Amino acid sequence: MKFTSGCRKEAIEKYWKELAVFVFDLEKEKEFNSNKHVEKILQTVADGDATIACWEPGQKSPNHCHPDATEIYFCYQGGGEMRTEDKIIEVKPGSFVVHPPGEVHEYINGSERTLLFRVRYGKDMASHHV
């Protein structure tokens, strides 16, 4: 079968449409709330999602884990501390933090507004508070 045959061409076009590229403007997407940090899902994909988490100074997450998902944070602006059971990790612009499935962690924001870009992937994104 030739590459240019009708069926093959349609299959290739369908395949490329399903592989859409997602582009986000974090400056336009950010949203802050003085009562609670804001988590906003920007896109879901097959086994995960891309989100942002916006934090006001001093806000903190509960101690939690994701038993069936890996969670990756990238600090776009601001910063604070990510705490695990045995480490305190400084989070600052440009830093990545990767939590493997089941790792208990919490985030404590610093003295300025913070925007974290987060990617989660796995069987289940559910968060379990500990």
N, C-alpha and C. Protein backbone atom coordinates (compact mmCIF):
# COMPACT_ATOMS: atom_id res chain seq x y z
N MET A 1 0.85 -1.17 0.00
CA MET A 1 0.00 0.00 0.00
C MET A 1 0.89 1.24 0.00
N LYS A 2 0.56 2.22 -0.79
CA LYS A 2 1.34 3.44 -0.89
C LYS A 2 0.99 4.40 0.25
N PHE A 3 1.95 5.21 0.62
CA PHE A 3 1.76 6.23 1.65
C PHE A 3 0.62 7.19 1.30
N THR A 4 0.44 7.45 0.03
CA THR A 4 -0.55 8.44 -0.40
C THR A 4 -1.94 7.85 -0.61
N SER A 5 -2.12 6.57 -0.36
CA SER A 5 -3.46 6.01 -0.57
C SER A 5 -4.45 6.67 0.39
N GLY A 6 -5.70 6.75 -0.03
CA GLY A 6 -6.73 7.44 0.74
C GLY A 6 -6.85 6.97 2.17
N CYS A 7 -6.95 5.66 2.38
CA CYS A 7 -7.12 5.12 3.74
C CYS A 7 -5.92 5.43 4.61
N ARG A 8 -4.74 5.23 4.09
CA ARG A 8 -3.50 5.47 4.85
C ARG A 8 -3.38 6.95 5.21
N LYS A 9 -3.67 7.82 4.26
CA LYS A 9 -3.57 9.26 4.49
C LYS A 9 -4.56 9.69 5.58
N GLU A 10 -5.78 9.19 5.53
CA GLU A 10 -6.79 9.53 6.55
C GLU A 10 -6.35 9.04 7.93
N ALA A 11 -5.79 7.84 7.99
CA ALA A 11 -5.33 7.29 9.27
C ALA A 11 -4.21 8.15 9.85
N ILE A 12 -3.29 8.57 9.00
CA ILE A 12 -2.18 9.41 9.45
C ILE A 12 -2.69 10.77 9.94
N GLU A 13 -3.62 11.37 9.21
CA GLU A 13 -4.18 12.67 9.62
C GLU A 13 -4.90 12.54 10.95
N LYS A 14 -5.67 11.46 11.13
CA LYS A 14 -6.37 11.24 12.40
C LYS A 14 -5.36 11.07 13.54
N TYR A 15 -4.32 10.31 13.30
CA TYR A 15 -3.28 10.07 14.31
C TYR A 15 -2.66 11.39 14.76
N TRP A 16 -2.29 12.25 13.83
CA TRP A 16 -1.65 13.52 14.19
C TRP A 16 -2.59 14.47 14.88
N LYS A 17 -3.88 14.45 14.55
CA LYS A 17 -4.85 15.30 15.25
C LYS A 17 -4.98 14.87 16.71
N GLU A 18 -4.88 13.57 16.97
CA GLU A 18 -4.98 13.07 18.35
C GLU A 18 -3.74 13.39 19.16
N LEU A 19 -2.63 13.64 18.52
CA LEU A 19 -1.38 14.00 19.20
C LEU A 19 -1.24 15.52 19.29
N ALA A 20 -2.28 16.17 19.73
CA ALA A 20 -2.27 17.63 19.80
C ALA A 20 -1.17 18.12 20.74
N VAL A 21 -0.63 19.24 20.41
CA VAL A 21 0.35 19.91 21.26
C VAL A 21 -0.42 20.90 22.11
N PHE A 22 -0.15 20.89 23.41
CA PHE A 22 -0.84 21.79 24.31
C PHE A 22 0.12 22.91 24.72
N VAL A 23 -0.34 24.12 24.61
CA VAL A 23 0.47 25.29 24.95
C VAL A 23 -0.31 26.11 25.97
N PHE A 24 0.35 26.51 27.05
CA PHE A 24 -0.31 27.27 28.10
C PHE A 24 0.47 28.54 28.40
N ASP A 25 -0.23 29.60 28.68
CA ASP A 25 0.37 30.85 29.12
C ASP A 25 0.14 30.92 30.63
N LEU A 26 1.16 30.61 31.41
CA LEU A 26 1.00 30.55 32.86
C LEU A 26 0.61 31.89 33.45
N GLU A 27 1.05 32.97 32.83
CA GLU A 27 0.67 34.30 33.33
C GLU A 27 -0.85 34.51 33.22
N LYS A 28 -1.44 34.03 32.14
CA LYS A 28 -2.89 34.17 31.96
C LYS A 28 -3.68 33.16 32.78
N GLU A 29 -3.11 32.00 33.04
CA GLU A 29 -3.81 30.93 33.75
C GLU A 29 -3.78 31.09 35.27
N LYS A 30 -2.79 31.81 35.80
CA LYS A 30 -2.65 31.87 37.26
C LYS A 30 -3.86 32.53 37.91
N GLU A 31 -4.16 32.04 39.11
CA GLU A 31 -5.33 32.51 39.87
C GLU A 31 -5.04 32.29 41.35
N PHE A 32 -5.15 33.33 42.14
CA PHE A 32 -4.82 33.24 43.56
C PHE A 32 -6.06 33.46 44.41
N ASN A 33 -6.04 32.87 45.62
CA ASN A 33 -7.14 33.02 46.58
C ASN A 33 -6.51 33.09 47.96
N SER A 34 -6.85 34.10 48.73
CA SER A 34 -6.23 34.28 50.05
C SER A 34 -6.69 33.23 51.06
N ASN A 35 -7.79 32.52 50.80
CA ASN A 35 -8.30 31.52 51.74
C ASN A 35 -7.69 30.14 51.55
N LYS A 36 -7.34 29.79 50.32
CA LYS A 36 -6.84 28.45 50.03
C LYS A 36 -6.06 28.48 48.73
N HIS A 37 -5.00 27.69 48.64
CA HIS A 37 -4.26 27.66 47.38
C HIS A 37 -5.17 27.14 46.27
N VAL A 38 -4.91 27.58 45.06
CA VAL A 38 -5.75 27.24 43.91
C VAL A 38 -5.04 26.21 43.05
N GLU A 39 -5.72 25.10 42.78
CA GLU A 39 -5.22 24.09 41.84
C GLU A 39 -6.12 24.12 40.63
N LYS A 40 -5.53 24.26 39.47
CA LYS A 40 -6.29 24.40 38.23
C LYS A 40 -5.77 23.41 37.20
N ILE A 41 -6.64 22.49 36.77
CA ILE A 41 -6.25 21.52 35.73
C ILE A 41 -6.28 22.23 34.39
N LEU A 42 -5.15 22.23 33.71
CA LEU A 42 -5.04 22.87 32.40
C LEU A 42 -5.35 21.89 31.28
N GLN A 43 -4.96 20.62 31.47
CA GLN A 43 -5.20 19.62 30.43
C GLN A 43 -5.12 18.23 31.03
N THR A 44 -6.02 17.37 30.65
CA THR A 44 -5.90 15.96 30.99
C THR A 44 -5.44 15.21 29.75
N VAL A 45 -4.64 14.19 29.98
CA VAL A 45 -4.15 13.33 28.91
C VAL A 45 -4.37 11.89 29.36
N ALA A 46 -4.02 10.95 28.54
CA ALA A 46 -4.33 9.53 28.76
C ALA A 46 -4.21 9.10 30.23
N ASP A 47 -3.04 9.19 30.81
CA ASP A 47 -2.84 8.71 32.17
C ASP A 47 -2.40 9.81 33.13
N GLY A 48 -2.83 11.04 32.89
CA GLY A 48 -2.40 12.10 33.79
C GLY A 48 -3.00 13.44 33.47
N ASP A 49 -2.41 14.46 34.08
CA ASP A 49 -2.87 15.82 33.84
C ASP A 49 -1.74 16.81 34.03
N ALA A 50 -1.96 17.99 33.50
CA ALA A 50 -1.05 19.13 33.67
C ALA A 50 -1.85 20.19 34.41
N THR A 51 -1.33 20.66 35.52
CA THR A 51 -2.04 21.62 36.35
C THR A 51 -1.11 22.74 36.80
N ILE A 52 -1.71 23.78 37.36
CA ILE A 52 -0.94 24.78 38.08
C ILE A 52 -1.47 24.84 39.50
N ALA A 53 -0.60 25.19 40.42
CA ALA A 53 -0.97 25.40 41.81
C ALA A 53 -0.47 26.79 42.18
N CYS A 54 -1.40 27.63 42.63
CA CYS A 54 -1.08 29.03 42.95
C CYS A 54 -1.23 29.23 44.46
N TRP A 55 -0.19 29.78 45.07
CA TRP A 55 -0.11 29.88 46.52
C TRP A 55 0.11 31.32 46.96
N GLU A 56 -0.64 31.75 47.94
CA GLU A 56 -0.39 33.03 48.61
C GLU A 56 0.67 32.80 49.69
N PRO A 57 1.35 33.87 50.14
CA PRO A 57 2.37 33.71 51.18
C PRO A 57 1.84 32.96 52.40
N GLY A 58 2.63 31.99 52.87
CA GLY A 58 2.31 31.26 54.09
C GLY A 58 1.34 30.09 53.94
N GLN A 59 0.69 29.94 52.81
CA GLN A 59 -0.25 28.82 52.65
C GLN A 59 0.52 27.51 52.62
N LYS A 60 -0.16 26.42 53.05
CA LYS A 60 0.49 25.13 53.03
C LYS A 60 -0.50 24.04 52.68
N SER A 61 0.01 22.98 52.10
CA SER A 61 -0.83 21.83 51.75
C SER A 61 -0.89 20.89 52.94
N PRO A 62 -1.91 20.05 52.98
CA PRO A 62 -1.89 19.00 54.00
C PRO A 62 -0.83 17.96 53.66
N ASN A 63 -0.38 17.24 54.66
CA ASN A 63 0.53 16.12 54.43
C ASN A 63 -0.26 15.07 53.67
N HIS A 64 0.22 14.66 52.51
CA HIS A 64 -0.54 13.74 51.67
C HIS A 64 0.37 12.92 50.76
N CYS A 65 -0.23 11.96 50.07
CA CYS A 65 0.49 11.19 49.07
C CYS A 65 -0.48 10.81 47.95
N HIS A 66 0.08 10.34 46.86
CA HIS A 66 -0.68 9.84 45.72
C HIS A 66 -0.19 8.40 45.50
N PRO A 67 -0.89 7.42 46.08
CA PRO A 67 -0.39 6.04 46.04
C PRO A 67 -0.15 5.48 44.63
N ASP A 68 -0.93 5.95 43.66
CA ASP A 68 -0.83 5.38 42.32
C ASP A 68 -0.44 6.40 41.25
N ALA A 69 0.24 7.47 41.65
CA ALA A 69 0.64 8.48 40.66
C ALA A 69 1.98 9.11 41.04
N THR A 70 2.74 9.44 40.01
CA THR A 70 3.95 10.24 40.18
C THR A 70 3.54 11.70 40.03
N GLU A 71 4.13 12.55 40.84
CA GLU A 71 3.78 13.98 40.81
C GLU A 71 5.08 14.77 40.64
N ILE A 72 5.08 15.64 39.62
CA ILE A 72 6.27 16.43 39.30
C ILE A 72 5.90 17.91 39.38
N TYR A 73 6.66 18.66 40.16
CA TYR A 73 6.44 20.10 40.30
C TYR A 73 7.60 20.86 39.66
N PHE A 74 7.26 21.95 38.98
CA PHE A 74 8.25 22.89 38.47
C PHE A 74 7.87 24.26 39.03
N CYS A 75 8.80 24.93 39.68
CA CYS A 75 8.53 26.24 40.24
C CYS A 75 8.76 27.31 39.18
N TYR A 76 7.68 27.99 38.83
CA TYR A 76 7.73 29.05 37.82
C TYR A 76 8.07 30.39 38.48
N GLN A 77 7.45 30.67 39.63
CA GLN A 77 7.73 31.91 40.36
C GLN A 77 7.50 31.69 41.83
N GLY A 78 8.16 32.50 42.66
CA GLY A 78 7.99 32.40 44.11
C GLY A 78 8.85 31.30 44.69
N GLY A 79 8.29 30.56 45.64
CA GLY A 79 9.03 29.44 46.23
C GLY A 79 8.64 29.19 47.67
N GLY A 80 9.17 28.11 48.19
CA GLY A 80 8.88 27.70 49.56
C GLY A 80 9.65 26.43 49.87
N GLU A 81 9.02 25.54 50.64
CA GLU A 81 9.65 24.27 51.02
C GLU A 81 8.72 23.11 50.71
N MET A 82 9.29 22.06 50.15
CA MET A 82 8.58 20.80 49.97
C MET A 82 9.16 19.87 51.02
N ARG A 83 8.29 19.30 51.83
CA ARG A 83 8.76 18.41 52.90
C ARG A 83 8.29 16.98 52.64
N THR A 84 9.22 16.05 52.79
CA THR A 84 8.89 14.63 52.74
C THR A 84 9.18 14.08 54.13
N GLU A 85 9.01 12.78 54.31
CA GLU A 85 9.24 12.20 55.63
C GLU A 85 10.68 12.35 56.11
N ASP A 86 11.63 12.48 55.17
CA ASP A 86 13.03 12.57 55.60
C ASP A 86 13.82 13.73 55.01
N LYS A 87 13.15 14.64 54.27
CA LYS A 87 13.87 15.75 53.65
C LYS A 87 13.05 17.03 53.68
N ILE A 88 13.76 18.14 53.68
CA ILE A 88 13.16 19.45 53.43
C ILE A 88 13.87 19.99 52.19
N ILE A 89 13.09 20.24 51.14
CA ILE A 89 13.64 20.64 49.85
C ILE A 89 13.28 22.08 49.58
N GLU A 90 14.29 22.91 49.32
CA GLU A 90 14.01 24.30 48.95
C GLU A 90 13.44 24.32 47.53
N VAL A 91 12.32 25.01 47.38
CA VAL A 91 11.68 25.17 46.07
C VAL A 91 11.86 26.62 45.67
N LYS A 92 12.48 26.83 44.50
CA LYS A 92 12.72 28.19 44.02
C LYS A 92 12.52 28.20 42.51
N PRO A 93 12.38 29.37 41.90
CA PRO A 93 12.16 29.42 40.46
C PRO A 93 13.19 28.60 39.68
N GLY A 94 12.68 27.75 38.80
CA GLY A 94 13.52 26.89 37.99
C GLY A 94 13.76 25.51 38.55
N SER A 95 13.34 25.25 39.79
CA SER A 95 13.60 23.93 40.37
C SER A 95 12.46 22.95 40.09
N PHE A 96 12.84 21.66 40.00
CA PHE A 96 11.90 20.55 39.82
C PHE A 96 11.91 19.71 41.08
N VAL A 97 10.75 19.20 41.45
CA VAL A 97 10.65 18.22 42.52
C VAL A 97 9.80 17.07 41.97
N VAL A 98 10.31 15.85 42.10
CA VAL A 98 9.59 14.66 41.62
C VAL A 98 9.24 13.79 42.82
N HIS A 99 7.95 13.52 42.99
CA HIS A 99 7.48 12.62 44.05
C HIS A 99 7.04 11.31 43.41
N PRO A 100 7.72 10.20 43.74
CA PRO A 100 7.28 8.91 43.21
C PRO A 100 5.96 8.50 43.86
N PRO A 101 5.25 7.55 43.28
CA PRO A 101 3.98 7.10 43.87
C PRO A 101 4.15 6.73 45.34
N GLY A 102 3.23 7.23 46.16
CA GLY A 102 3.21 6.89 47.58
C GLY A 102 4.07 7.73 48.49
N GLU A 103 4.90 8.62 47.95
CA GLU A 103 5.76 9.43 48.83
C GLU A 103 4.91 10.49 49.53
N VAL A 104 4.96 10.50 50.85
CA VAL A 104 4.22 11.48 51.65
C VAL A 104 4.96 12.82 51.57
N HIS A 105 4.20 13.89 51.33
CA HIS A 105 4.81 15.21 51.20
C HIS A 105 3.82 16.31 51.52
N GLU A 106 4.37 17.49 51.78
CA GLU A 106 3.56 18.70 51.95
C GLU A 106 4.37 19.87 51.41
N TYR A 107 3.64 20.91 50.97
CA TYR A 107 4.30 22.12 50.47
C TYR A 107 3.95 23.26 51.40
N ILE A 108 4.96 24.04 51.79
CA ILE A 108 4.76 25.23 52.61
C ILE A 108 5.29 26.40 51.80
N ASN A 109 4.40 27.32 51.46
CA ASN A 109 4.80 28.45 50.64
C ASN A 109 5.62 29.46 51.43
N GLY A 110 6.48 30.16 50.73
CA GLY A 110 7.33 31.18 51.34
C GLY A 110 6.63 32.51 51.48
N SER A 111 7.38 33.58 51.39
CA SER A 111 6.89 34.93 51.70
C SER A 111 6.30 35.67 50.50
N GLU A 112 6.29 35.04 49.32
CA GLU A 112 5.68 35.70 48.16
C GLU A 112 4.77 34.74 47.42
N ARG A 113 3.95 35.29 46.54
CA ARG A 113 3.08 34.44 45.73
C ARG A 113 3.92 33.45 44.93
N THR A 114 3.39 32.24 44.82
CA THR A 114 4.12 31.18 44.11
C THR A 114 3.22 30.53 43.08
N LEU A 115 3.81 30.22 41.94
CA LEU A 115 3.12 29.48 40.89
C LEU A 115 3.95 28.24 40.58
N LEU A 116 3.35 27.08 40.84
CA LEU A 116 3.98 25.80 40.55
C LEU A 116 3.25 25.15 39.38
N PHE A 117 4.00 24.66 38.40
CA PHE A 117 3.43 23.87 37.30
C PHE A 117 3.59 22.42 37.71
N ARG A 118 2.51 21.64 37.60
CA ARG A 118 2.53 20.26 38.09
C ARG A 118 2.06 19.30 37.00
N VAL A 119 2.74 18.18 36.91
CA VAL A 119 2.32 17.09 36.03
C VAL A 119 2.15 15.86 36.91
N ARG A 120 0.99 15.21 36.79
CA ARG A 120 0.74 13.97 37.50
C ARG A 120 0.43 12.90 36.47
N TYR A 121 0.94 11.70 36.70
CA TYR A 121 0.58 10.59 35.82
C TYR A 121 0.62 9.29 36.61
N GLY A 122 -0.28 8.39 36.23
CA GLY A 122 -0.38 7.09 36.89
C GLY A 122 -1.79 6.56 36.76
N LYS A 123 -2.07 5.51 37.51
CA LYS A 123 -3.39 4.86 37.44
C LYS A 123 -4.48 5.71 38.08
N ASP A 124 -4.13 6.47 39.13
CA ASP A 124 -5.13 7.23 39.88
C ASP A 124 -4.45 8.46 40.48
N MET A 125 -4.99 9.66 40.19
CA MET A 125 -4.38 10.89 40.71
C MET A 125 -4.83 11.23 42.13
N ALA A 126 -5.72 10.44 42.69
CA ALA A 126 -6.31 10.75 44.00
C ALA A 126 -5.24 11.01 45.05
N SER A 127 -5.53 12.00 45.88
CA SER A 127 -4.65 12.39 46.98
C SER A 127 -5.21 11.79 48.27
N HIS A 128 -4.32 11.21 49.09
CA HIS A 128 -4.71 10.66 50.38
C HIS A 128 -4.01 11.45 51.47
N HIS A 129 -4.79 12.08 52.35
CA HIS A 129 -4.22 12.85 53.46
C HIS A 129 -3.76 11.91 54.55
N VAL A 130 -2.59 12.22 55.13
CA VAL A 130 -2.04 11.37 56.20
C VAL A 130 -1.76 12.18 57.44
